[in-house]
Amino acid sequence: MTIIVDAMGGDNAPDEIVLGAINAAERQNINVTLVGIEDDIRKAMERTGIRKLPENLTIVNASEVIDVKDDPSTAIRTKKDSSLTVGFKLLRDGHGDGLVSAGSTGAILAGATLIVKRIRKVRRAALAPVIPSTTGRFILIDCGANAECTPEYLVQFAYMGAFYARDMLKINSPRIGLLNNGAESTKGTPLQLETYDLLKKTELNFIGNIEAKDAMKGGCDVLVCDGFSGNVMLKSIEGAASLVVSELKTMFFSGVSSKIAALLLKKKMLGLKQKLNPDSTGGTALLGISKPVIKAHGSSNAAAISSAIAQAVREAESDVASKLTDNFNKMPPV
């Protein structure tokens, strides 16, 4: 098992990416290929106190970097020796079982689509993070890969999300909800109205429109939406989680009695912090691509990168892409 890691993508590259990749190589029974400017990678090792590479980690030199300011499709085509482009070519050519990058979402989507290719019949790949809820977890699809969508895209997202929920979350008949500003079937823009009618005609366990607050309460197992709405929702969830953790810290350390209460609740508080901590998940699966691709958060630290690599391993071991291919071959036309 080999996971390819884009060493130059993300706000904290290359230091945190290199450290996370090395930690994963040392702790997990896998091979890791770090792709990026080799001199920068080795300098990052020195800065983080690492003197020697693990035997199961190799460096592949790539002389260019795709910046967040670059046009994604143009950059993939013109920066042929960028860490992301080289990484995707390695994945395409069978030199790895999955790829992890914390770089530009647009560039990851463009590279995965143009180089690794989508699964046959899939119109658009979609980002599908697993979000904690009061009753467990749900899949949000799409959360940023496709800002503008058609009803057909959303129906395909529902199929991909349902499959992912069954295969990875082990939910037998996942409840599919459509993100909307109300539960009534008459709510929403033409996109939601048309998608609602199409989903009602599928064999999926479609339960209707879902408001964001109800999804967080466990109202569905897969929440379907366009990438713009999904990205706004995801970032709102991240901001709210950060606010809750910050306010709890302030409250529990404001006085002697509060500190005593904090000690008594320490175990439960650590559990809540872990549940709300995106670093424990690591990344988001890009569904619809023929091989596993994990988009790590742009601000990922070493722990988040290590978790994202573990997620890529799980997807490769579960053979999600091949199973999704078979699933789509049986899907009726929209």
Protein backbone atom coordinates (compact mmCIF):
# COMPACT_ATOMS: atom_id res chain seq x y z
CA MET A 1 0.00 0.00 0.00
CA THR A 2 1.47 3.34 -1.10
CA ILE A 3 -0.07 6.76 -0.46
CA ILE A 4 1.14 9.77 -2.45
CA VAL A 5 1.30 13.06 -0.53
CA ASP A 6 1.52 16.53 -2.08
CA ALA A 7 4.24 18.10 0.10
CA MET A 8 3.76 21.63 -1.24
CA GLY A 9 -0.01 22.06 -0.86
CA GLY A 10 -1.62 23.89 2.06
CA ASP A 11 -1.06 26.86 4.36
CA ASN A 12 1.50 25.01 6.48
CA ALA A 13 3.46 23.36 3.67
CA PRO A 14 5.96 21.90 3.56
CA ASP A 15 6.80 21.60 7.29
CA GLU A 16 3.52 20.22 8.67
CA ILE A 17 2.89 18.11 5.56
CA VAL A 18 6.35 16.52 5.77
CA LEU A 19 6.00 15.88 9.51
CA GLY A 20 2.54 14.36 9.09
CA ALA A 21 3.69 12.12 6.24
CA ILE A 22 6.71 10.90 8.23
CA ASN A 23 4.53 10.24 11.29
CA ALA A 24 2.13 8.22 9.13
CA ALA A 25 4.99 6.24 7.56
CA GLU A 26 6.38 5.40 11.00
CA ARG A 27 3.07 4.48 12.66
CA GLN A 28 1.13 2.87 9.82
CA ASN A 29 2.09 -0.24 7.86
CA ILE A 30 2.25 1.61 4.54
CA ASN A 31 4.62 3.27 2.08
CA VAL A 32 4.47 7.03 1.60
CA THR A 33 5.66 9.00 -1.43
CA LEU A 34 6.28 12.70 -0.75
CA VAL A 35 6.09 14.79 -3.92
CA GLY A 36 7.57 18.29 -3.99
CA ILE A 37 10.70 20.41 -4.16
CA GLU A 38 13.24 18.05 -2.60
CA ASP A 39 15.46 20.80 -1.15
CA ASP A 40 12.43 22.36 0.57
CA ILE A 41 11.33 18.98 1.91
CA ARG A 42 14.76 18.26 3.41
CA LYS A 43 14.95 21.77 4.92
CA ALA A 44 11.52 21.16 6.45
CA MET A 45 12.88 17.94 7.97
CA GLU A 46 15.74 19.88 9.54
CA ARG A 47 13.37 22.53 10.95
CA THR A 48 11.16 19.85 12.51
CA GLY A 49 14.10 17.95 13.98
CA ILE A 50 13.94 14.94 11.66
CA ARG A 51 17.37 13.67 10.69
CA LYS A 52 16.54 10.55 8.72
CA LEU A 53 13.71 9.45 6.45
CA PRO A 54 11.87 6.24 7.35
CA GLU A 55 12.74 3.36 5.00
CA ASN A 56 9.14 3.23 3.78
CA LEU A 57 9.08 6.91 2.72
CA THR A 58 10.49 8.20 -0.55
CA ILE A 59 10.78 11.67 -2.06
CA VAL A 60 9.88 12.40 -5.69
CA ASN A 61 11.21 15.78 -6.81
CA ALA A 62 8.81 18.22 -8.48
CA SER A 63 10.17 21.66 -9.29
CA GLU A 64 6.92 23.68 -9.43
CA VAL A 65 4.12 24.60 -7.03
CA ILE A 66 0.49 25.40 -7.85
CA ASP A 67 -0.49 28.50 -5.90
CA VAL A 68 -4.02 29.21 -4.65
CA LYS A 69 -4.03 32.28 -6.92
CA ASP A 70 -3.42 30.17 -10.03
CA ASP A 71 -6.29 29.27 -12.33
CA PRO A 72 -6.77 25.56 -11.49
CA SER A 73 -7.24 24.06 -14.97
CA THR A 74 -4.58 26.25 -16.53
CA ALA A 75 -2.09 25.47 -13.76
CA ILE A 76 -2.58 21.70 -14.12
CA ARG A 77 -1.97 21.97 -17.87
CA THR A 78 0.97 24.39 -17.80
CA LYS A 79 2.78 23.52 -14.56
CA LYS A 80 3.59 20.01 -15.67
CA ASP A 81 6.25 19.56 -12.99
CA SER A 82 4.16 20.82 -10.07
CA SER A 83 3.90 18.62 -6.98
CA LEU A 84 0.16 18.11 -7.58
CA THR A 85 0.47 17.30 -11.30
CA VAL A 86 3.35 14.87 -10.72
CA GLY A 87 1.47 13.28 -7.83
CA PHE A 88 -1.65 12.70 -9.94
CA LYS A 89 0.43 11.20 -12.75
CA LEU A 90 2.02 8.79 -10.27
CA LEU A 91 -1.45 7.81 -9.06
CA ARG A 92 -2.75 7.39 -12.61
CA ASP A 93 0.21 5.23 -13.62
CA GLY A 94 -0.20 2.83 -10.69
CA HIS A 95 2.66 4.07 -8.50
CA GLY A 96 0.31 4.72 -5.60
CA ASP A 97 -3.03 3.59 -4.19
CA GLY A 98 -4.31 7.01 -3.13
CA LEU A 99 -3.36 10.68 -3.00
CA VAL A 100 -3.58 13.30 -0.24
CA SER A 101 -3.27 17.06 -0.75
CA ALA A 102 -4.08 20.13 1.32
CA GLY A 103 -3.68 22.36 -1.73
CA SER A 104 -6.17 24.35 -3.81
CA THR A 105 -9.56 22.62 -4.03
CA GLY A 106 -9.96 23.77 -7.63
CA ALA A 107 -6.54 22.43 -8.64
CA ILE A 108 -7.18 19.09 -6.91
CA LEU A 109 -10.52 18.76 -8.69
CA ALA A 110 -8.99 19.75 -12.05
CA GLY A 111 -6.00 17.42 -11.66
CA ALA A 112 -8.10 14.48 -10.53
CA THR A 113 -10.53 15.02 -13.41
CA LEU A 114 -8.00 15.68 -16.18
CA ILE A 115 -5.27 13.23 -15.17
CA VAL A 116 -6.74 10.42 -13.04
CA LYS A 117 -10.20 10.76 -14.69
CA ARG A 118 -13.72 10.41 -13.39
CA ILE A 119 -15.57 7.13 -13.07
CA ARG A 120 -17.57 6.36 -16.22
CA LYS A 121 -21.04 8.02 -16.21
CA VAL A 122 -20.13 10.40 -13.35
CA ARG A 123 -20.78 13.95 -14.56
CA ARG A 124 -19.00 15.75 -11.70
CA ALA A 125 -16.82 14.57 -8.82
CA ALA A 126 -17.95 15.82 -5.40
CA LEU A 127 -16.35 16.44 -2.01
CA ALA A 128 -18.06 14.41 0.71
CA PRO A 129 -16.94 15.15 4.29
CA VAL A 130 -18.31 13.12 7.20
CA ILE A 131 -19.88 15.54 9.72
CA PRO A 132 -20.68 14.76 13.39
CA SER A 133 -24.29 15.11 14.48
CA THR A 134 -26.11 14.73 17.78
CA THR A 135 -27.00 11.13 16.90
CA GLY A 136 -23.86 10.07 15.02
CA ARG A 137 -22.57 11.22 11.63
CA PHE A 138 -23.82 12.28 8.21
CA ILE A 139 -22.23 12.83 4.80
CA LEU A 140 -22.39 16.31 3.28
CA ILE A 141 -22.14 16.16 -0.52
CA ASP A 142 -21.03 18.43 -2.23
CA CYS A 143 -19.07 20.83 0.01
CA GLY A 144 -17.13 22.87 -2.51
CA ALA A 145 -16.11 21.09 -5.70
CA ASN A 146 -19.06 22.36 -7.79
CA ALA A 147 -20.37 25.84 -7.03
CA GLU A 148 -22.93 25.63 -9.84
CA CYS A 149 -24.94 22.45 -10.26
CA THR A 150 -27.77 20.98 -12.30
CA PRO A 151 -30.48 18.70 -10.87
CA GLU A 152 -28.76 15.78 -12.62
CA TYR A 153 -25.52 16.48 -10.73
CA LEU A 154 -27.36 16.54 -7.39
CA VAL A 155 -29.09 13.23 -8.11
CA GLN A 156 -25.71 11.67 -8.90
CA PHE A 157 -24.34 13.16 -5.65
CA ALA A 158 -27.20 11.43 -3.83
CA TYR A 159 -26.26 8.08 -5.39
CA MET A 160 -22.56 8.54 -4.55
CA GLY A 161 -23.36 9.67 -1.01
CA ALA A 162 -25.71 6.73 -0.46
CA PHE A 163 -23.08 4.28 -1.66
CA TYR A 164 -20.37 5.88 0.49
CA ALA A 165 -22.64 5.78 3.56
CA ARG A 166 -23.39 2.09 2.99
CA ASP A 167 -19.80 1.07 2.25
CA MET A 168 -17.77 3.24 4.64
CA LEU A 169 -20.25 4.09 7.43
CA LYS A 170 -22.04 0.71 7.27
CA ILE A 171 -25.55 2.23 7.09
CA ASN A 172 -27.85 -0.27 5.37
CA SER A 173 -30.47 2.13 4.00
CA PRO A 174 -29.07 5.66 4.31
CA ARG A 175 -31.64 8.44 4.57
CA ILE A 176 -31.08 11.00 1.81
CA GLY A 177 -32.00 14.61 2.52
CA LEU A 178 -31.89 17.64 0.21
CA LEU A 179 -30.51 20.79 1.83
CA ASN A 180 -33.14 23.51 1.67
CA ASN A 181 -34.51 26.52 3.54
CA GLY A 182 -37.55 24.59 4.65
CA ALA A 183 -38.93 21.06 4.81
CA GLU A 184 -41.91 21.66 2.52
CA SER A 185 -41.69 20.24 -1.00
CA THR A 186 -42.53 23.66 -2.45
CA LYS A 187 -39.48 25.36 -0.90
CA GLY A 188 -36.28 26.42 -2.65
CA THR A 189 -35.03 27.65 -6.00
CA PRO A 190 -35.73 25.87 -9.30
CA LEU A 191 -32.62 23.76 -8.63
CA GLN A 192 -34.05 22.35 -5.39
CA LEU A 193 -37.57 21.98 -6.80
CA GLU A 194 -36.41 20.02 -9.86
CA THR A 195 -33.96 17.91 -7.83
CA TYR A 196 -36.71 17.09 -5.31
CA ASP A 197 -38.96 15.73 -8.07
CA LEU A 198 -36.13 13.64 -9.56
CA LEU A 199 -35.06 12.18 -6.21
CA LYS A 200 -38.66 11.16 -5.44
CA LYS A 201 -38.56 8.96 -8.56
CA THR A 202 -35.39 7.08 -7.59
CA GLU A 203 -35.10 3.90 -5.52
CA LEU A 204 -33.03 5.82 -2.94
CA ASN A 205 -34.35 6.30 0.60
CA PHE A 206 -35.12 9.96 -0.08
CA ILE A 207 -36.82 11.57 2.93
CA GLY A 208 -37.32 15.05 1.48
CA ASN A 209 -35.96 18.51 2.20
CA ILE A 210 -33.80 19.05 5.27
CA GLU A 211 -32.83 22.31 6.95
CA ALA A 212 -29.22 22.65 8.07
CA LYS A 213 -30.15 22.66 11.77
CA ASP A 214 -32.08 19.40 11.41
CA ALA A 215 -29.18 17.71 9.62
CA MET A 216 -26.99 18.58 12.62
CA LYS A 217 -29.60 16.91 14.85
CA GLY A 218 -29.28 13.65 12.92
CA GLY A 219 -32.17 14.17 10.54
CA CYS A 220 -30.47 12.36 7.65
CA ASP A 221 -27.46 10.21 6.77
CA VAL A 222 -26.60 11.96 3.48
CA LEU A 223 -27.23 15.66 2.91
CA VAL A 224 -27.23 16.60 -0.78
CA CYS A 225 -26.52 20.14 -1.96
CA ASP A 226 -24.62 22.24 -4.49
CA GLY A 227 -20.98 22.98 -3.67
CA PHE A 228 -21.59 26.64 -2.84
CA SER A 229 -24.27 25.95 -0.22
CA GLY A 230 -22.35 22.98 1.12
CA ASN A 231 -19.16 24.96 1.53
CA VAL A 232 -20.98 27.74 3.38
CA MET A 233 -22.58 25.15 5.68
CA LEU A 234 -19.29 23.34 6.32
CA LYS A 235 -17.42 26.52 7.22
CA SER A 236 -20.30 27.63 9.44
CA ILE A 237 -20.10 24.30 11.27
CA GLU A 238 -16.32 24.68 11.70
CA GLY A 239 -16.73 28.23 13.01
CA ALA A 240 -19.49 27.22 15.43
CA ALA A 241 -17.44 24.28 16.73
CA SER A 242 -14.44 26.55 17.28
CA LEU A 243 -16.63 29.06 19.11
CA VAL A 244 -18.12 26.38 21.40
CA VAL A 245 -14.69 24.99 22.35
CA SER A 246 -13.32 28.49 22.97
CA GLU A 247 -16.29 29.55 25.11
CA LEU A 248 -16.13 26.34 27.16
CA LYS A 249 -12.44 26.94 27.88
CA THR A 250 -13.18 30.49 29.01
CA MET A 251 -16.09 29.35 31.17
CA PHE A 252 -14.30 26.45 32.85
CA PHE A 253 -11.16 28.43 33.72
CA SER A 254 -12.82 31.62 34.94
CA GLY A 255 -12.67 30.76 38.65
CA VAL A 256 -11.90 28.13 41.28
CA SER A 257 -15.34 26.51 41.22
CA SER A 258 -15.30 26.41 37.41
CA LYS A 259 -11.88 24.74 37.44
CA ILE A 260 -13.16 22.08 39.84
CA ALA A 261 -16.14 21.49 37.54
CA ALA A 262 -13.73 21.23 34.60
CA LEU A 263 -11.74 18.53 36.40
CA LEU A 264 -14.91 16.55 37.08
CA LEU A 265 -15.98 16.81 33.44
CA LYS A 266 -12.51 16.44 31.93
CA LYS A 267 -13.13 13.05 30.31
CA LYS A 268 -16.42 14.11 28.73
CA MET A 269 -14.94 17.42 27.59
CA LEU A 270 -12.06 15.64 25.88
CA GLY A 271 -14.58 13.42 24.12
CA LEU A 272 -16.52 16.47 22.91
CA LYS A 273 -13.32 18.19 21.76
CA GLN A 274 -12.30 15.06 19.82
CA LYS A 275 -15.74 14.85 18.19
CA LEU A 276 -15.51 18.47 17.04
CA ASN A 277 -11.84 18.29 16.04
CA PRO A 278 -11.45 18.14 12.23
CA ASP A 279 -7.82 16.96 12.64
CA SER A 280 -9.06 13.55 13.79
CA THR A 281 -10.83 13.03 10.44
CA GLY A 282 -8.04 14.56 8.40
CA GLY A 283 -9.69 15.15 5.08
CA THR A 284 -12.57 14.90 2.67
CA ALA A 285 -13.06 12.20 0.04
CA LEU A 286 -13.38 13.36 -3.57
CA LEU A 287 -16.01 10.92 -4.80
CA GLY A 288 -16.43 10.09 -8.47
CA ILE A 289 -12.71 9.81 -9.29
CA SER A 290 -11.36 6.45 -10.46
CA LYS A 291 -8.82 6.26 -7.60
CA PRO A 292 -8.91 7.51 -3.97
CA VAL A 293 -8.22 11.23 -3.61
CA ILE A 294 -8.40 12.94 -0.21
CA LYS A 295 -8.60 16.73 0.10
CA ALA A 296 -7.08 17.76 3.43
CA HIS A 297 -8.02 21.09 5.01
CA GLY A 298 -5.90 23.98 3.78
CA SER A 299 -4.76 24.74 7.33
CA SER A 300 -3.95 21.10 8.13
CA ASN A 301 -1.27 20.41 10.73
CA ALA A 302 0.83 17.25 10.95
CA ALA A 303 -1.86 15.36 12.88
CA ALA A 304 -4.50 16.19 10.26
CA ILE A 305 -2.22 15.07 7.41
CA SER A 306 -1.48 11.80 9.21
CA SER A 307 -5.24 11.26 9.65
CA ALA A 308 -5.87 12.08 5.99
CA ILE A 309 -3.30 9.48 4.96
CA ALA A 310 -5.04 6.91 7.17
CA GLN A 311 -8.33 7.83 5.48
CA ALA A 312 -6.77 7.31 2.05
CA VAL A 313 -5.56 3.88 3.21
CA ARG A 314 -9.07 2.90 4.36
CA GLU A 315 -10.57 3.95 1.03
CA ALA A 316 -7.93 2.06 -0.93
CA GLU A 317 -8.35 -1.07 1.20
CA SER A 318 -12.14 -0.89 0.82
CA ASP A 319 -11.75 -0.47 -2.96
CA VAL A 320 -14.31 2.33 -2.87
CA ALA A 321 -13.60 3.60 -6.40
CA SER A 322 -14.10 0.19 -8.06
CA LYS A 323 -17.26 -0.50 -6.08
CA LEU A 324 -18.61 2.94 -6.95
CA THR A 325 -17.89 2.19 -10.62
CA ASP A 326 -19.97 -0.99 -10.40
CA ASN A 327 -22.69 0.91 -8.56
CA PHE A 328 -22.90 3.57 -11.29
CA ASN A 329 -23.03 0.98 -14.05
CA LYS A 330 -26.27 -0.26 -12.50
CA MET A 331 -27.70 3.23 -11.86
CA PRO A 332 -30.69 4.12 -14.07
CA PRO A 333 -30.30 7.24 -16.25
CA VAL A 334 -31.45 10.48 -14.65
